[in-house]
């Protein structure tokens, strides 16, 4: 596993865990402030994932000489970053629900 992919996977896992907590709290809107704080954390992690992907792809360009390996790892990095985008989409939708019912 490439180090950049490992870092990005860690960020994705952290983001997914936050989304899991957010969804659990959504059943009871009494913890409104906690939900909103978690949505901010998910957004921060998505920004981190963007940076990690850019850095990993740049390193991949520098180091990888096999075009098939390059394409494979770039696709993996892109998909992991897109997954963090989806976590952010969920957090944004929940934030809208909480603010509308606040």
PDB file of N, CA and C in Angstrom:
ATOM      1  N   UNK A   1       0.865  -1.184   0.000  1.00  0.00           N
ATOM      2  CA  UNK A   1       0.000   0.000   0.000  1.00  0.00           C
ATOM      3  C   UNK A   1       0.901   1.232   0.000  1.00  0.00           C
ATOM      4  N   UNK A   2       0.521   2.183  -0.796  1.00  0.00           N
ATOM      5  CA  UNK A   2       1.276   3.439  -0.858  1.00  0.00           C
ATOM      6  C   UNK A   2       0.945   4.281   0.371  1.00  0.00           C
ATOM      7  N   UNK A   3       1.939   4.978   0.916  1.00  0.00           N
ATOM      8  CA  UNK A   3       1.696   5.788   2.122  1.00  0.00           C
ATOM      9  C   UNK A   3       0.582   6.821   1.944  1.00  0.00           C
ATOM     10  N   UNK A   4       0.505   7.476   0.807  1.00  0.00           N
ATOM     11  CA  UNK A   4      -0.551   8.456   0.562  1.00  0.00           C
ATOM     12  C   UNK A   4      -1.930   7.827   0.589  1.00  0.00           C
ATOM     13  N   UNK A   5      -2.039   6.607   0.076  1.00  0.00           N
ATOM     14  CA  UNK A   5      -3.323   5.902   0.093  1.00  0.00           C
ATOM     15  C   UNK A   5      -3.693   5.523   1.520  1.00  0.00           C
ATOM     16  N   UNK A   6      -2.707   5.134   2.307  1.00  0.00           N
ATOM     17  CA  UNK A   6      -2.972   4.770   3.708  1.00  0.00           C
ATOM     18  C   UNK A   6      -3.480   5.992   4.476  1.00  0.00           C
ATOM     19  N   UNK A   7      -2.853   7.135   4.263  1.00  0.00           N
ATOM     20  CA  UNK A   7      -3.285   8.373   4.932  1.00  0.00           C
ATOM     21  C   UNK A   7      -4.708   8.747   4.522  1.00  0.00           C
ATOM     22  N   UNK A   8      -4.973   8.668   3.234  1.00  0.00           N
ATOM     23  CA  UNK A   8      -6.297   9.010   2.724  1.00  0.00           C
ATOM     24  C   UNK A   8      -7.357   8.033   3.243  1.00  0.00           C
ATOM     25  N   UNK A   9      -7.007   6.771   3.335  1.00  0.00           N
ATOM     26  CA  UNK A   9      -7.939   5.778   3.876  1.00  0.00           C
ATOM     27  C   UNK A   9      -8.256   6.085   5.346  1.00  0.00           C
ATOM     28  N   UNK A  10      -7.256   6.534   6.091  1.00  0.00           N
ATOM     29  CA  UNK A  10      -7.494   6.911   7.482  1.00  0.00           C
ATOM     30  C   UNK A  10      -8.445   8.085   7.599  1.00  0.00           C
ATOM     31  N   UNK A  11      -8.298   9.056   6.717  1.00  0.00           N
ATOM     32  CA  UNK A  11      -9.190  10.210   6.712  1.00  0.00           C
ATOM     33  C   UNK A  11     -10.603   9.798   6.331  1.00  0.00           C
ATOM     34  N   UNK A  12     -10.713   8.928   5.344  1.00  0.00           N
ATOM     35  CA  UNK A  12     -12.037   8.421   4.941  1.00  0.00           C
ATOM     36  C   UNK A  12     -12.700   7.667   6.085  1.00  0.00           C
ATOM     37  N   UNK A  13     -11.951   6.832   6.769  1.00  0.00           N
ATOM     38  CA  UNK A  13     -12.508   6.079   7.892  1.00  0.00           C
ATOM     39  C   UNK A  13     -12.997   7.020   8.992  1.00  0.00           C
ATOM     40  N   UNK A  14     -12.199   8.032   9.311  1.00  0.00           N
ATOM     41  CA  UNK A  14     -12.600   9.005  10.333  1.00  0.00           C
ATOM     42  C   UNK A  14     -13.870   9.732   9.914  1.00  0.00           C
ATOM     43  N   UNK A  15     -13.966  10.092   8.658  1.00  0.00           N
ATOM     44  CA  UNK A  15     -15.142  10.779   8.139  1.00  0.00           C
ATOM     45  C   UNK A  15     -16.375   9.885   8.213  1.00  0.00           C
ATOM     46  N   UNK A  16     -16.223   8.626   7.834  1.00  0.00           N
ATOM     47  CA  UNK A  16     -17.352   7.681   7.876  1.00  0.00           C
ATOM     48  C   UNK A  16     -17.823   7.468   9.318  1.00  0.00           C
ATOM     49  N   UNK A  17     -16.903   7.421  10.241  1.00  0.00           N
ATOM     50  CA  UNK A  17     -17.285   7.251  11.655  1.00  0.00           C
ATOM     51  C   UNK A  17     -18.062   8.467  12.164  1.00  0.00           C
ATOM     52  N   UNK A  18     -17.642   9.650  11.733  1.00  0.00           N
ATOM     53  CA  UNK A  18     -18.376  10.856  12.133  1.00  0.00           C
ATOM     54  C   UNK A  18     -19.785  10.858  11.544  1.00  0.00           C
ATOM     55  N   UNK A  19     -19.899  10.462  10.288  1.00  0.00           N
ATOM     56  CA  UNK A  19     -21.220  10.393   9.656  1.00  0.00           C
ATOM     57  C   UNK A  19     -22.097   9.386  10.402  1.00  0.00           C
ATOM     58  N   UNK A  20     -21.525   8.275  10.796  1.00  0.00           N
ATOM     59  CA  UNK A  20     -22.275   7.282  11.566  1.00  0.00           C
ATOM     60  C   UNK A  20     -22.798   7.897  12.864  1.00  0.00           C
ATOM     61  N   UNK A  21     -21.954   8.660  13.539  1.00  0.00           N
ATOM     62  CA  UNK A  21     -22.391   9.311  14.774  1.00  0.00           C
ATOM     63  C   UNK A  21     -23.475  10.351  14.494  1.00  0.00           C
ATOM     64  N   UNK A  22     -23.288  11.120  13.431  1.00  0.00           N
ATOM     65  CA  UNK A  22     -24.277  12.136  13.062  1.00  0.00           C
ATOM     66  C   UNK A  22     -25.642  11.499  12.824  1.00  0.00           C
ATOM     67  N   UNK A  23     -25.672  10.423  12.066  1.00  0.00           N
ATOM     68  CA  UNK A  23     -26.939   9.756  11.748  1.00  0.00           C
ATOM     69  C   UNK A  23     -27.592   9.235  13.025  1.00  0.00           C
ATOM     70  N   UNK A  24     -26.793   8.698  13.923  1.00  0.00           N
ATOM     71  CA  UNK A  24     -27.333   8.236  15.198  1.00  0.00           C
ATOM     72  C   UNK A  24     -27.943   9.362  16.009  1.00  0.00           C
ATOM     73  N   UNK A  25     -27.317  10.530  15.982  1.00  0.00           N
ATOM     74  CA  UNK A  25     -27.825  11.684  16.727  1.00  0.00           C
ATOM     75  C   UNK A  25     -29.024  12.329  16.048  1.00  0.00           C
ATOM     76  N   UNK A  26     -29.193  12.096  14.778  1.00  0.00           N
ATOM     77  CA  UNK A  26     -30.284  12.711  14.029  1.00  0.00           C
ATOM     78  C   UNK A  26     -31.651  12.220  14.510  1.00  0.00           C
ATOM     79  N   UNK A  27     -31.672  11.046  15.086  1.00  0.00           N
ATOM     80  CA  UNK A  27     -32.941  10.508  15.601  1.00  0.00           C
ATOM     81  C   UNK A  27     -33.504  11.369  16.725  1.00  0.00           C
ATOM     82  N   UNK A  28     -32.621  12.097  17.397  1.00  0.00           N
ATOM     83  CA  UNK A  28     -33.029  12.931  18.526  1.00  0.00           C
ATOM     84  C   UNK A  28     -32.347  14.284  18.374  1.00  0.00           C
ATOM     85  N   UNK A  29     -33.070  15.252  17.910  1.00  0.00           N
ATOM     86  CA  UNK A  29     -32.475  16.552  17.598  1.00  0.00           C
ATOM     87  C   UNK A  29     -32.141  17.386  18.843  1.00  0.00           C
ATOM     88  N   UNK A  30     -32.206  16.776  20.011  1.00  0.00           N
ATOM     89  CA  UNK A  30     -31.879  17.510  21.229  1.00  0.00           C
ATOM     90  C   UNK A  30     -30.389  17.821  21.329  1.00  0.00           C
ATOM     91  N   UNK A  31     -29.568  17.083  20.605  1.00  0.00           N
ATOM     92  CA  UNK A  31     -28.124  17.320  20.612  1.00  0.00           C
ATOM     93  C   UNK A  31     -27.697  18.120  19.388  1.00  0.00           C
ATOM     94  N   UNK A  32     -28.443  19.136  19.116  1.00  0.00           N
ATOM     95  CA  UNK A  32     -28.249  19.983  17.939  1.00  0.00           C
ATOM     96  C   UNK A  32     -26.822  20.503  17.812  1.00  0.00           C
ATOM     97  N   UNK A  33     -26.272  21.020  18.901  1.00  0.00           N
ATOM     98  CA  UNK A  33     -24.917  21.595  18.853  1.00  0.00           C
ATOM     99  C   UNK A  33     -23.867  20.532  18.541  1.00  0.00           C
ATOM    100  N   UNK A  34     -24.038  19.345  19.097  1.00  0.00           N
ATOM    101  CA  UNK A  34     -23.096  18.250  18.822  1.00  0.00           C
ATOM    102  C   UNK A  34     -23.175  17.862  17.345  1.00  0.00           C
ATOM    103  N   UNK A  35     -24.375  17.761  16.818  1.00  0.00           N
ATOM    104  CA  UNK A  35     -24.538  17.413  15.405  1.00  0.00           C
ATOM    105  C   UNK A  35     -23.847  18.454  14.525  1.00  0.00           C
ATOM    106  N   UNK A  36     -24.077  19.723  14.811  1.00  0.00           N
ATOM    107  CA  UNK A  36     -23.473  20.784  13.995  1.00  0.00           C
ATOM    108  C   UNK A  36     -21.951  20.769  14.113  1.00  0.00           C
ATOM    109  N   UNK A  37     -21.435  20.483  15.305  1.00  0.00           N
ATOM    110  CA  UNK A  37     -19.978  20.398  15.482  1.00  0.00           C
ATOM    111  C   UNK A  37     -19.402  19.242  14.657  1.00  0.00           C
ATOM    112  N   UNK A  38     -20.119  18.137  14.625  1.00  0.00           N
ATOM    113  CA  UNK A  38     -19.664  16.991  13.838  1.00  0.00           C
ATOM    114  C   UNK A  38     -19.676  17.289  12.342  1.00  0.00           C
ATOM    115  N   UNK A  39     -20.666  18.053  11.887  1.00  0.00           N
ATOM    116  CA  UNK A  39     -20.704  18.391  10.455  1.00  0.00           C
ATOM    117  C   UNK A  39     -19.499  19.252  10.079  1.00  0.00           C
ATOM    118  N   UNK A  40     -19.079  20.119  10.977  1.00  0.00           N
ATOM    119  CA  UNK A  40     -17.883  20.929  10.731  1.00  0.00           C
ATOM    120  C   UNK A  40     -16.652  20.028  10.638  1.00  0.00           C
ATOM    121  N   UNK A  41     -16.568  19.032  11.514  1.00  0.00           N
ATOM    122  CA  UNK A  41     -15.439  18.100  11.484  1.00  0.00           C
ATOM    123  C   UNK A  41     -15.402  17.317  10.168  1.00  0.00           C
ATOM    124  N   UNK A  42     -16.566  16.895   9.693  1.00  0.00           N
ATOM    125  CA  UNK A  42     -16.621  16.164   8.422  1.00  0.00           C
ATOM    126  C   UNK A  42     -16.138  17.070   7.289  1.00  0.00           C
ATOM    127  N   UNK A  43     -16.558  18.316   7.286  1.00  0.00           N
ATOM    128  CA  UNK A  43     -16.107  19.260   6.252  1.00  0.00           C
ATOM    129  C   UNK A  43     -14.596  19.462   6.315  1.00  0.00           C
ATOM    130  N   UNK A  44     -14.057  19.541   7.517  1.00  0.00           N
ATOM    131  CA  UNK A  44     -12.606  19.690   7.681  1.00  0.00           C
ATOM    132  C   UNK A  44     -11.879  18.463   7.140  1.00  0.00           C
ATOM    133  N   UNK A  45     -12.406  17.284   7.446  1.00  0.00           N
ATOM    134  CA  UNK A  45     -11.784  16.058   6.942  1.00  0.00           C
ATOM    135  C   UNK A  45     -11.844  15.979   5.425  1.00  0.00           C
ATOM    136  N   UNK A  46     -12.909  16.478   4.832  1.00  0.00           N
ATOM    137  CA  UNK A  46     -13.005  16.461   3.370  1.00  0.00           C
ATOM    138  C   UNK A  46     -11.926  17.358   2.766  1.00  0.00           C
ATOM    139  N   UNK A  47     -11.685  18.507   3.384  1.00  0.00           N
ATOM    140  CA  UNK A  47     -10.604  19.385   2.913  1.00  0.00           C
ATOM    141  C   UNK A  47      -9.250  18.702   3.075  1.00  0.00           C
ATOM    142  N   UNK A  48      -9.072  17.985   4.178  1.00  0.00           N
ATOM    143  CA  UNK A  48      -7.836  17.236   4.391  1.00  0.00           C
ATOM    144  C   UNK A  48      -7.669  16.171   3.317  1.00  0.00           C
ATOM    145  N   UNK A  49      -8.757  15.475   2.986  1.00  0.00           N
ATOM    146  CA  UNK A  49      -8.705  14.434   1.956  1.00  0.00           C
ATOM    147  C   UNK A  49      -8.333  15.024   0.595  1.00  0.00           C
ATOM    148  N   UNK A  50      -8.850  16.204   0.283  1.00  0.00           N
ATOM    149  CA  UNK A  50      -8.481  16.866  -0.978  1.00  0.00           C
ATOM    150  C   UNK A  50      -6.968  17.090  -1.038  1.00  0.00           C
ATOM    151  N   UNK A  51      -6.424  17.612   0.043  1.00  0.00           N
ATOM    152  CA  UNK A  51      -4.984  17.883   0.111  1.00  0.00           C
ATOM    153  C   UNK A  51      -4.184  16.583   0.034  1.00  0.00           C
ATOM    154  N   UNK A  52      -4.613  15.571   0.781  1.00  0.00           N
ATOM    155  CA  UNK A  52      -3.902  14.291   0.782  1.00  0.00           C
ATOM    156  C   UNK A  52      -3.898  13.667  -0.613  1.00  0.00           C
ATOM    157  N   UNK A  53      -5.013  13.746  -1.310  1.00  0.00           N
ATOM    158  CA  UNK A  53      -5.081  13.193  -2.661  1.00  0.00           C
ATOM    159  C   UNK A  53      -4.143  13.912  -3.612  1.00  0.00           C
ATOM    160  N   UNK A  54      -4.167  15.248  -3.538  1.00  0.00           N
ATOM    161  CA  UNK A  54      -3.255  16.029  -4.403  1.00  0.00           C
ATOM    162  C   UNK A  54      -1.805  15.655  -4.142  1.00  0.00           C
ATOM    163  N   UNK A  55      -1.430  15.582  -2.869  1.00  0.00           N
ATOM    164  CA  UNK A  55      -0.050  15.244  -2.518  1.00  0.00           C
ATOM    165  C   UNK A  55       0.310  13.826  -2.947  1.00  0.00           C
ATOM    166  N   UNK A  56      -0.615  12.893  -2.769  1.00  0.00           N
ATOM    167  CA  UNK A  56      -0.355  11.504  -3.142  1.00  0.00           C
ATOM    168  C   UNK A  56      -0.217  11.351  -4.652  1.00  0.00           C
ATOM    169  N   UNK A  57      -1.050  12.041  -5.407  1.00  0.00           N
ATOM    170  CA  UNK A  57      -0.953  11.967  -6.870  1.00  0.00           C
ATOM    171  C   UNK A  57       0.352  12.618  -7.340  1.00  0.00           C
ATOM    172  N   UNK A  58       0.749  13.717  -6.725  1.00  0.00           N
ATOM    173  CA  UNK A  58       2.010  14.356  -7.093  1.00  0.00           C
ATOM    174  C   UNK A  58       3.187  13.408  -6.833  1.00  0.00           C
ATOM    175  N   UNK A  59       3.171  12.737  -5.702  1.00  0.00           N
ATOM    176  CA  UNK A  59       4.229  11.786  -5.372  1.00  0.00           C
ATOM    177  C   UNK A  59       4.198  10.604  -6.334  1.00  0.00           C
ATOM    178  N   UNK A  60       3.007  10.175  -6.679  1.00  0.00           N
ATOM    179  CA  UNK A  60       2.839   9.090  -7.643  1.00  0.00           C
ATOM    180  C   UNK A  60       3.449   9.471  -8.991  1.00  0.00           C
ATOM    181  N   UNK A  61       3.210  10.699  -9.426  1.00  0.00           N
ATOM    182  CA  UNK A  61       3.782  11.182 -10.687  1.00  0.00           C
ATOM    183  C   UNK A  61       5.312  11.177 -10.654  1.00  0.00           C
ATOM    184  N   UNK A  62       5.854  11.522  -9.506  1.00  0.00           N
ATOM    185  CA  UNK A  62       7.313  11.555  -9.359  1.00  0.00           C
ATOM    186  C   UNK A  62       7.930  10.163  -9.336  1.00  0.00           C
ATOM    187  N   UNK A  63       7.255   9.220  -8.706  1.00  0.00           N
ATOM    188  CA  UNK A  63       7.871   7.933  -8.399  1.00  0.00           C
ATOM    189  C   UNK A  63       7.488   6.785  -9.319  1.00  0.00           C
ATOM    190  N   UNK A  64       6.263   6.754  -9.776  1.00  0.00           N
ATOM    191  CA  UNK A  64       5.772   5.572 -10.500  1.00  0.00           C
ATOM    192  C   UNK A  64       6.127   5.641 -11.975  1.00  0.00           C
ATOM    193  N   UNK A  65       6.815   4.628 -12.430  1.00  0.00           N
ATOM    194  CA  UNK A  65       7.226   4.575 -13.840  1.00  0.00           C
ATOM    195  C   UNK A  65       6.327   3.657 -14.671  1.00  0.00           C
ATOM    196  N   UNK A  66       5.629   2.755 -14.015  1.00  0.00           N
ATOM    197  CA  UNK A  66       4.731   1.834 -14.711  1.00  0.00           C
ATOM    198  C   UNK A  66       3.388   2.536 -14.917  1.00  0.00           C
ATOM    199  N   UNK A  67       3.000   2.782 -16.172  1.00  0.00           N
ATOM    200  CA  UNK A  67       1.749   3.518 -16.415  1.00  0.00           C
ATOM    201  C   UNK A  67       0.512   2.802 -15.877  1.00  0.00           C
ATOM    202  N   UNK A  68       0.511   1.488 -15.878  1.00  0.00           N
ATOM    203  CA  UNK A  68      -0.646   0.753 -15.350  1.00  0.00           C
ATOM    204  C   UNK A  68      -0.761   0.924 -13.844  1.00  0.00           C
ATOM    205  N   UNK A  69       0.362   0.876 -13.152  1.00  0.00           N
ATOM    206  CA  UNK A  69       0.365   1.102 -11.704  1.00  0.00           C
ATOM    207  C   UNK A  69      -0.067   2.533 -11.385  1.00  0.00           C
ATOM    208  N   UNK A  70       0.413   3.463 -12.186  1.00  0.00           N
ATOM    209  CA  UNK A  70       0.025   4.859 -11.983  1.00  0.00           C
ATOM    210  C   UNK A  70      -1.488   5.016 -12.101  1.00  0.00           C
ATOM    211  N   UNK A  71      -2.047   4.493 -13.169  1.00  0.00           N
ATOM    212  CA  UNK A  71      -3.493   4.609 -13.404  1.00  0.00           C
ATOM    213  C   UNK A  71      -4.273   3.931 -12.283  1.00  0.00           C
ATOM    214  N   UNK A  72      -3.841   2.749 -11.893  1.00  0.00           N
ATOM    215  CA  UNK A  72      -4.520   2.008 -10.833  1.00  0.00           C
ATOM    216  C   UNK A  72      -4.533   2.815  -9.538  1.00  0.00           C
ATOM    217  N   UNK A  73      -3.364   3.289  -9.107  1.00  0.00           N
ATOM    218  CA  UNK A  73      -3.293   4.010  -7.831  1.00  0.00           C
ATOM    219  C   UNK A  73      -3.979   5.368  -7.894  1.00  0.00           C
ATOM    220  N   UNK A  74      -3.916   6.025  -9.031  1.00  0.00           N
ATOM    221  CA  UNK A  74      -4.613   7.306  -9.151  1.00  0.00           C
ATOM    222  C   UNK A  74      -6.121   7.096  -9.024  1.00  0.00           C
ATOM    223  N   UNK A  75      -6.633   6.035  -9.642  1.00  0.00           N
ATOM    224  CA  UNK A  75      -8.063   5.726  -9.550  1.00  0.00           C
ATOM    225  C   UNK A  75      -8.457   5.404  -8.106  1.00  0.00           C
ATOM    226  N   UNK A  76      -7.646   4.643  -7.418  1.00  0.00           N
ATOM    227  CA  UNK A  76      -7.916   4.318  -6.015  1.00  0.00           C
ATOM    228  C   UNK A  76      -7.953   5.589  -5.184  1.00  0.00           C
ATOM    229  N   UNK A  77      -6.979   6.454  -5.366  1.00  0.00           N
ATOM    230  CA  UNK A  77      -6.933   7.723  -4.623  1.00  0.00           C
ATOM    231  C   UNK A  77      -8.147   8.590  -4.939  1.00  0.00           C
ATOM    232  N   UNK A  78      -8.510   8.655  -6.210  1.00  0.00           N
ATOM    233  CA  UNK A  78      -9.672   9.458  -6.615  1.00  0.00           C
ATOM    234  C   UNK A  78     -10.960   8.932  -5.982  1.00  0.00           C
ATOM    235  N   UNK A  79     -11.122   7.616  -5.971  1.00  0.00           N
ATOM    236  CA  UNK A  79     -12.338   7.032  -5.405  1.00  0.00           C
ATOM    237  C   UNK A  79     -12.424   7.260  -3.896  1.00  0.00           C
ATOM    238  N   UNK A  80     -11.301   7.150  -3.217  1.00  0.00           N
ATOM    239  CA  UNK A  80     -11.325   7.405  -1.770  1.00  0.00           C
ATOM    240  C   UNK A  80     -11.665   8.865  -1.483  1.00  0.00           C
ATOM    241  N   UNK A  81     -11.124   9.765  -2.276  1.00  0.00           N
ATOM    242  CA  UNK A  81     -11.425  11.179  -2.069  1.00  0.00           C
ATOM    243  C   UNK A  81     -12.894  11.463  -2.381  1.00  0.00           C
ATOM    244  N   UNK A  82     -13.431  10.821  -3.413  1.00  0.00           N
ATOM    245  CA  UNK A  82     -14.855  10.992  -3.733  1.00  0.00           C
ATOM    246  C   UNK A  82     -15.743  10.465  -2.616  1.00  0.00           C
ATOM    247  N   UNK A  83     -15.299   9.416  -1.951  1.00  0.00           N
ATOM    248  CA  UNK A  83     -16.069   8.889  -0.821  1.00  0.00           C
ATOM    249  C   UNK A  83     -16.121   9.914   0.314  1.00  0.00           C
ATOM    250  N   UNK A  84     -15.027  10.641   0.517  1.00  0.00           N
ATOM    251  CA  UNK A  84     -15.072  11.701   1.542  1.00  0.00           C
ATOM    252  C   UNK A  84     -15.996  12.829   1.098  1.00  0.00           C
ATOM    253  N   UNK A  85     -16.076  13.064  -0.202  1.00  0.00           N
ATOM    254  CA  UNK A  85     -17.032  14.055  -0.721  1.00  0.00           C
ATOM    255  C   UNK A  85     -18.466  13.642  -0.374  1.00  0.00           C
ATOM    256  N   UNK A  86     -18.770  12.345  -0.514  1.00  0.00           N
ATOM    257  CA  UNK A  86     -20.113  11.867  -0.190  1.00  0.00           C
ATOM    258  C   UNK A  86     -20.405  12.001   1.305  1.00  0.00           C
ATOM    259  N   UNK A  87     -19.397  11.773   2.140  1.00  0.00           N
ATOM    260  CA  UNK A  87     -19.582  11.981   3.586  1.00  0.00           C
ATOM    261  C   UNK A  87     -19.913  13.447   3.854  1.00  0.00           C
ATOM    262  N   UNK A  88     -19.229  14.336   3.150  1.00  0.00           N
ATOM    263  CA  UNK A  88     -19.509  15.764   3.308  1.00  0.00           C
ATOM    264  C   UNK A  88     -20.927  16.085   2.838  1.00  0.00           C
ATOM    265  N   UNK A  89     -21.370  15.453   1.756  1.00  0.00           N
ATOM    266  CA  UNK A  89     -22.736  15.673   1.267  1.00  0.00           C
ATOM    267  C   UNK A  89     -23.763  15.280   2.332  1.00  0.00           C
ATOM    268  N   UNK A  90     -23.531  14.144   2.984  1.00  0.00           N
ATOM    269  CA  UNK A  90     -24.440  13.701   4.047  1.00  0.00           C
ATOM    270  C   UNK A  90     -24.428  14.712   5.189  1.00  0.00           C
ATOM    271  N   UNK A  91     -23.232  15.131   5.597  1.00  0.00           N
ATOM    272  CA  UNK A  91     -23.120  16.095   6.698  1.00  0.00           C
ATOM    273  C   UNK A  91     -23.821  17.405   6.348  1.00  0.00           C
ATOM    274  N   UNK A  92     -23.678  17.854   5.121  1.00  0.00           N
ATOM    275  CA  UNK A  92     -24.337  19.087   4.691  1.00  0.00           C
ATOM    276  C   UNK A  92     -25.861  18.940   4.718  1.00  0.00           C
ATOM    277  N   UNK A  93     -26.355  17.786   4.287  1.00  0.00           N
ATOM    278  CA  UNK A  93     -27.800  17.551   4.292  1.00  0.00           C
ATOM    279  C   UNK A  93     -28.331  17.521   5.724  1.00  0.00           C
ATOM    280  N   UNK A  94     -27.623  16.866   6.607  1.00  0.00           N
ATOM    281  CA  UNK A  94     -28.029  16.811   8.012  1.00  0.00           C
ATOM    282  C   UNK A  94     -27.987  18.204   8.640  1.00  0.00           C
ATOM    283  N   UNK A  95     -26.958  18.957   8.310  1.00  0.00           N
ATOM    284  CA  UNK A  95     -26.860  20.322   8.819  1.00  0.00           C
ATOM    285  C   UNK A  95     -28.087  21.127   8.405  1.00  0.00           C
ATOM    286  N   UNK A  96     -28.514  20.996   7.161  1.00  0.00           N
ATOM    287  CA  UNK A  96     -29.702  21.679   6.676  1.00  0.00           C
ATOM    288  C   UNK A  96     -30.942  21.262   7.446  1.00  0.00           C
ATOM    289  N   UNK A  97     -31.070  19.985   7.729  1.00  0.00           N
ATOM    290  CA  UNK A  97     -32.223  19.479   8.501  1.00  0.00           C
ATOM    291  C   UNK A  97     -32.219  20.069   9.904  1.00  0.00           C
ATOM    292  N   UNK A  98     -31.057  20.046  10.547  1.00  0.00           N
ATOM    293  CA  UNK A  98     -30.948  20.549  11.918  1.00  0.00           C
ATOM    294  C   UNK A  98     -31.257  22.038  11.969  1.00  0.00           C
ATOM    295  N   UNK A  99     -30.707  22.793  11.025  1.00  0.00           N
ATOM    296  CA  UNK A  99     -30.945  24.233  11.022  1.00  0.00           C
ATOM    297  C   UNK A  99     -32.404  24.552  10.704  1.00  0.00           C
ATOM    298  N   UNK A 100     -33.042  23.767   9.875  1.00  0.00           N
ATOM    299  CA  UNK A 100     -34.449  23.998   9.535  1.00  0.00           C
ATOM    300  C   UNK A 100     -35.377  23.670  10.693  1.00  0.00           C
ATOM    301  N   UNK A 101     -34.950  22.779  11.563  1.00  0.00           N
ATOM    302  CA  UNK A 101     -35.790  22.350  12.684  1.00  0.00           C
ATOM    303  C   UNK A 101     -35.262  22.853  14.020  1.00  0.00           C
ATOM    304  N   UNK A 102     -34.442  23.890  13.980  1.00  0.00           N
ATOM    305  CA  UNK A 102     -33.824  24.413  15.195  1.00  0.00           C
ATOM    306  C   UNK A 102     -34.651  25.416  15.877  1.00  0.00           C
TER     307      UNK A 102
END
